[in-house]
Amino acid sequence: MSQSTWKDQIKKKWGPHNHCPICGKAMPTEKQFCSQNCRDNYHGTQKKQKKKSRFQMIFMVGMMAVLFVFLFMFS
């Protein structure tokens, strides 16, 4: 008498599937997003995040340059 685990029961009921990283809907395993809207939303978010990271890096380098200038000016 072997009882299947709850994971096995879910696999039998729903079959293999993935979830959309944006909205969380179940979808086939070969797809990365459930809809074009979610794909566009994901890529838009990625562009904003990349732009923000680039700005932060430039700001940090600028601040370090200013600190080094003051360090050598007043020492």
N, C-alpha and C. Protein backbone atom coordinates (compact mmCIF):
# COMPACT_ATOMS: atom_id res chain seq x y z
N MET A 1 0.84 -1.19 0.00
CA MET A 1 0.00 0.00 0.00
C MET A 1 0.88 1.24 0.00
N SER A 2 1.17 1.74 -1.15
CA SER A 2 1.97 2.96 -1.22
C SER A 2 1.04 4.15 -1.50
N GLN A 3 1.15 5.13 -0.68
CA GLN A 3 0.37 6.33 -0.88
C GLN A 3 1.24 7.37 -1.56
N SER A 4 0.67 8.01 -2.55
CA SER A 4 1.46 9.03 -3.24
C SER A 4 1.46 10.32 -2.42
N THR A 5 2.53 11.05 -2.57
CA THR A 5 2.65 12.31 -1.83
C THR A 5 1.74 13.36 -2.47
N TRP A 6 1.59 14.46 -1.81
CA TRP A 6 0.74 15.53 -2.34
C TRP A 6 1.33 16.11 -3.61
N LYS A 7 2.66 16.10 -3.73
CA LYS A 7 3.29 16.60 -4.96
C LYS A 7 2.94 15.70 -6.15
N ASP A 8 2.96 14.40 -5.92
CA ASP A 8 2.58 13.46 -6.98
C ASP A 8 1.12 13.64 -7.39
N GLN A 9 0.27 13.90 -6.41
CA GLN A 9 -1.14 14.12 -6.70
C GLN A 9 -1.34 15.37 -7.54
N ILE A 10 -0.59 16.42 -7.22
CA ILE A 10 -0.69 17.67 -7.99
C ILE A 10 -0.18 17.45 -9.41
N LYS A 11 0.93 16.73 -9.55
CA LYS A 11 1.48 16.45 -10.88
C LYS A 11 0.49 15.67 -11.73
N LYS A 12 -0.19 14.70 -11.12
CA LYS A 12 -1.19 13.93 -11.86
C LYS A 12 -2.35 14.81 -12.30
N LYS A 13 -2.76 15.70 -11.42
CA LYS A 13 -3.93 16.54 -11.71
C LYS A 13 -3.64 17.60 -12.75
N TRP A 14 -2.51 18.31 -12.63
CA TRP A 14 -2.22 19.45 -13.49
C TRP A 14 -1.22 19.15 -14.59
N GLY A 15 -0.43 18.15 -14.46
CA GLY A 15 0.59 17.84 -15.45
C GLY A 15 1.76 18.81 -15.32
N PRO A 16 2.76 18.63 -16.17
CA PRO A 16 3.92 19.53 -16.09
C PRO A 16 3.55 20.94 -16.55
N HIS A 17 3.93 21.92 -15.76
CA HIS A 17 3.64 23.31 -16.12
C HIS A 17 4.60 24.25 -15.38
N ASN A 18 4.69 25.46 -15.86
CA ASN A 18 5.45 26.53 -15.21
C ASN A 18 4.48 27.64 -14.84
N HIS A 19 4.97 28.61 -14.11
CA HIS A 19 4.16 29.77 -13.76
C HIS A 19 4.78 31.02 -14.35
N CYS A 20 3.95 31.93 -14.82
CA CYS A 20 4.40 33.20 -15.39
C CYS A 20 5.13 34.00 -14.31
N PRO A 21 6.33 34.54 -14.60
CA PRO A 21 7.05 35.30 -13.58
C PRO A 21 6.40 36.64 -13.24
N ILE A 22 5.49 37.13 -14.07
CA ILE A 22 4.83 38.41 -13.83
C ILE A 22 3.53 38.23 -13.06
N CYS A 23 2.62 37.44 -13.60
CA CYS A 23 1.29 37.33 -12.99
C CYS A 23 1.07 36.04 -12.22
N GLY A 24 1.92 35.03 -12.41
CA GLY A 24 1.81 33.79 -11.66
C GLY A 24 0.84 32.77 -12.21
N LYS A 25 0.26 33.01 -13.39
CA LYS A 25 -0.67 32.06 -13.98
C LYS A 25 0.07 30.81 -14.46
N ALA A 26 -0.60 29.67 -14.39
CA ALA A 26 -0.02 28.43 -14.89
C ALA A 26 -0.01 28.47 -16.41
N MET A 27 1.05 27.88 -17.00
CA MET A 27 1.19 27.88 -18.46
C MET A 27 2.02 26.66 -18.86
N PRO A 28 2.06 26.34 -20.15
CA PRO A 28 2.86 25.19 -20.60
C PRO A 28 4.34 25.40 -20.31
N THR A 29 5.07 24.31 -20.19
CA THR A 29 6.49 24.39 -19.83
C THR A 29 7.35 25.04 -20.89
N GLU A 30 6.95 24.96 -22.15
CA GLU A 30 7.79 25.52 -23.21
C GLU A 30 7.68 27.04 -23.35
N LYS A 31 6.71 27.65 -22.69
CA LYS A 31 6.55 29.10 -22.76
C LYS A 31 7.24 29.77 -21.57
N GLN A 32 7.75 30.97 -21.81
CA GLN A 32 8.40 31.73 -20.75
C GLN A 32 7.42 32.69 -20.08
N PHE A 33 6.46 33.22 -20.85
CA PHE A 33 5.45 34.14 -20.34
C PHE A 33 4.08 33.68 -20.81
N CYS A 34 3.03 34.05 -20.07
CA CYS A 34 1.69 33.59 -20.43
C CYS A 34 1.07 34.43 -21.56
N SER A 35 1.50 35.68 -21.70
CA SER A 35 0.92 36.55 -22.73
C SER A 35 1.94 37.58 -23.19
N GLN A 36 1.63 38.24 -24.29
CA GLN A 36 2.50 39.29 -24.80
C GLN A 36 2.54 40.47 -23.83
N ASN A 37 1.43 40.73 -23.16
CA ASN A 37 1.38 41.81 -22.17
C ASN A 37 2.37 41.57 -21.04
N CYS A 38 2.42 40.34 -20.53
CA CYS A 38 3.37 40.01 -19.47
C CYS A 38 4.80 40.09 -19.98
N ARG A 39 5.04 39.68 -21.22
CA ARG A 39 6.39 39.76 -21.79
C ARG A 39 6.83 41.22 -21.89
N ASP A 40 5.95 42.09 -22.39
CA ASP A 40 6.27 43.51 -22.51
C ASP A 40 6.51 44.14 -21.13
N ASN A 41 5.68 43.76 -20.18
CA ASN A 41 5.81 44.27 -18.81
C ASN A 41 7.17 43.87 -18.23
N TYR A 42 7.56 42.62 -18.43
CA TYR A 42 8.84 42.11 -17.93
C TYR A 42 10.01 42.86 -18.55
N HIS A 43 9.99 43.01 -19.87
CA HIS A 43 11.10 43.68 -20.55
C HIS A 43 11.15 45.17 -20.18
N GLY A 44 10.02 45.80 -19.99
CA GLY A 44 9.99 47.19 -19.55
C GLY A 44 10.59 47.35 -18.16
N THR A 45 10.24 46.43 -17.28
CA THR A 45 10.79 46.46 -15.93
C THR A 45 12.30 46.23 -15.95
N GLN A 46 12.76 45.31 -16.79
CA GLN A 46 14.19 45.03 -16.90
C GLN A 46 14.96 46.25 -17.40
N LYS A 47 14.39 46.97 -18.38
CA LYS A 47 15.04 48.18 -18.90
C LYS A 47 15.15 49.24 -17.81
N LYS A 48 14.07 49.43 -17.04
CA LYS A 48 14.09 50.42 -15.96
C LYS A 48 15.12 50.04 -14.90
N GLN A 49 15.19 48.76 -14.56
CA GLN A 49 16.13 48.31 -13.54
C GLN A 49 17.58 48.48 -14.02
N LYS A 50 17.82 48.19 -15.29
CA LYS A 50 19.17 48.35 -15.83
C LYS A 50 19.58 49.83 -15.84
N LYS A 51 18.65 50.70 -16.20
CA LYS A 51 18.92 52.14 -16.22
C LYS A 51 19.21 52.64 -14.80
N LYS A 52 18.44 52.17 -13.84
CA LYS A 52 18.62 52.57 -12.45
C LYS A 52 19.98 52.10 -11.93
N SER A 53 20.36 50.87 -12.25
CA SER A 53 21.65 50.34 -11.81
C SER A 53 22.80 51.14 -12.42
N ARG A 54 22.67 51.49 -13.67
CA ARG A 54 23.71 52.27 -14.35
C ARG A 54 23.85 53.65 -13.68
N PHE A 55 22.72 54.29 -13.38
CA PHE A 55 22.74 55.59 -12.72
C PHE A 55 23.40 55.49 -11.35
N GLN A 56 23.07 54.45 -10.57
CA GLN A 56 23.66 54.27 -9.25
C GLN A 56 25.16 54.08 -9.33
N MET A 57 25.62 53.33 -10.32
CA MET A 57 27.05 53.09 -10.47
C MET A 57 27.78 54.39 -10.83
N ILE A 58 27.22 55.16 -11.74
CA ILE A 58 27.82 56.45 -12.12
C ILE A 58 27.86 57.39 -10.92
N PHE A 59 26.78 57.42 -10.15
CA PHE A 59 26.72 58.26 -8.96
C PHE A 59 27.79 57.87 -7.95
N MET A 60 27.95 56.57 -7.72
CA MET A 60 28.95 56.10 -6.75
C MET A 60 30.37 56.45 -7.20
N VAL A 61 30.65 56.27 -8.47
CA VAL A 61 31.97 56.61 -8.99
C VAL A 61 32.21 58.11 -8.86
N GLY A 62 31.20 58.90 -9.16
CA GLY A 62 31.30 60.35 -9.02
C GLY A 62 31.56 60.77 -7.58
N MET A 63 30.85 60.16 -6.66
CA MET A 63 31.05 60.48 -5.24
C MET A 63 32.46 60.10 -4.78
N MET A 64 32.94 58.96 -5.24
CA MET A 64 34.30 58.55 -4.87
C MET A 64 35.32 59.53 -5.43
N ALA A 65 35.11 60.00 -6.65
CA ALA A 65 36.02 60.98 -7.25
C ALA A 65 36.04 62.27 -6.43
N VAL A 66 34.86 62.73 -6.02
CA VAL A 66 34.77 63.94 -5.20
C VAL A 66 35.48 63.73 -3.86
N LEU A 67 35.29 62.58 -3.24
CA LEU A 67 35.94 62.30 -1.96
C LEU A 67 37.46 62.27 -2.10
N PHE A 68 37.96 61.68 -3.17
CA PHE A 68 39.41 61.66 -3.39
C PHE A 68 39.97 63.06 -3.62
N VAL A 69 39.23 63.88 -4.34
CA VAL A 69 39.67 65.26 -4.55
C VAL A 69 39.78 65.99 -3.23
N PHE A 70 38.75 65.89 -2.40
CA PHE A 70 38.79 66.55 -1.08
C PHE A 70 39.86 65.96 -0.19
N LEU A 71 40.09 64.67 -0.29
CA LEU A 71 41.11 64.02 0.53
C LEU A 71 42.49 64.59 0.21
N PHE A 72 42.80 64.75 -1.06
CA PHE A 72 44.11 65.24 -1.44
C PHE A 72 44.23 66.77 -1.38
N MET A 73 43.10 67.47 -1.46
CA MET A 73 43.13 68.92 -1.35
C MET A 73 43.44 69.39 0.06
N PHE A 74 42.86 68.73 1.05
CA PHE A 74 42.96 69.20 2.42
C PHE A 74 43.94 68.38 3.27
N SER A 75 44.77 67.58 2.66
CA SER A 75 45.71 66.80 3.48
C SER A 75 47.11 67.37 3.44
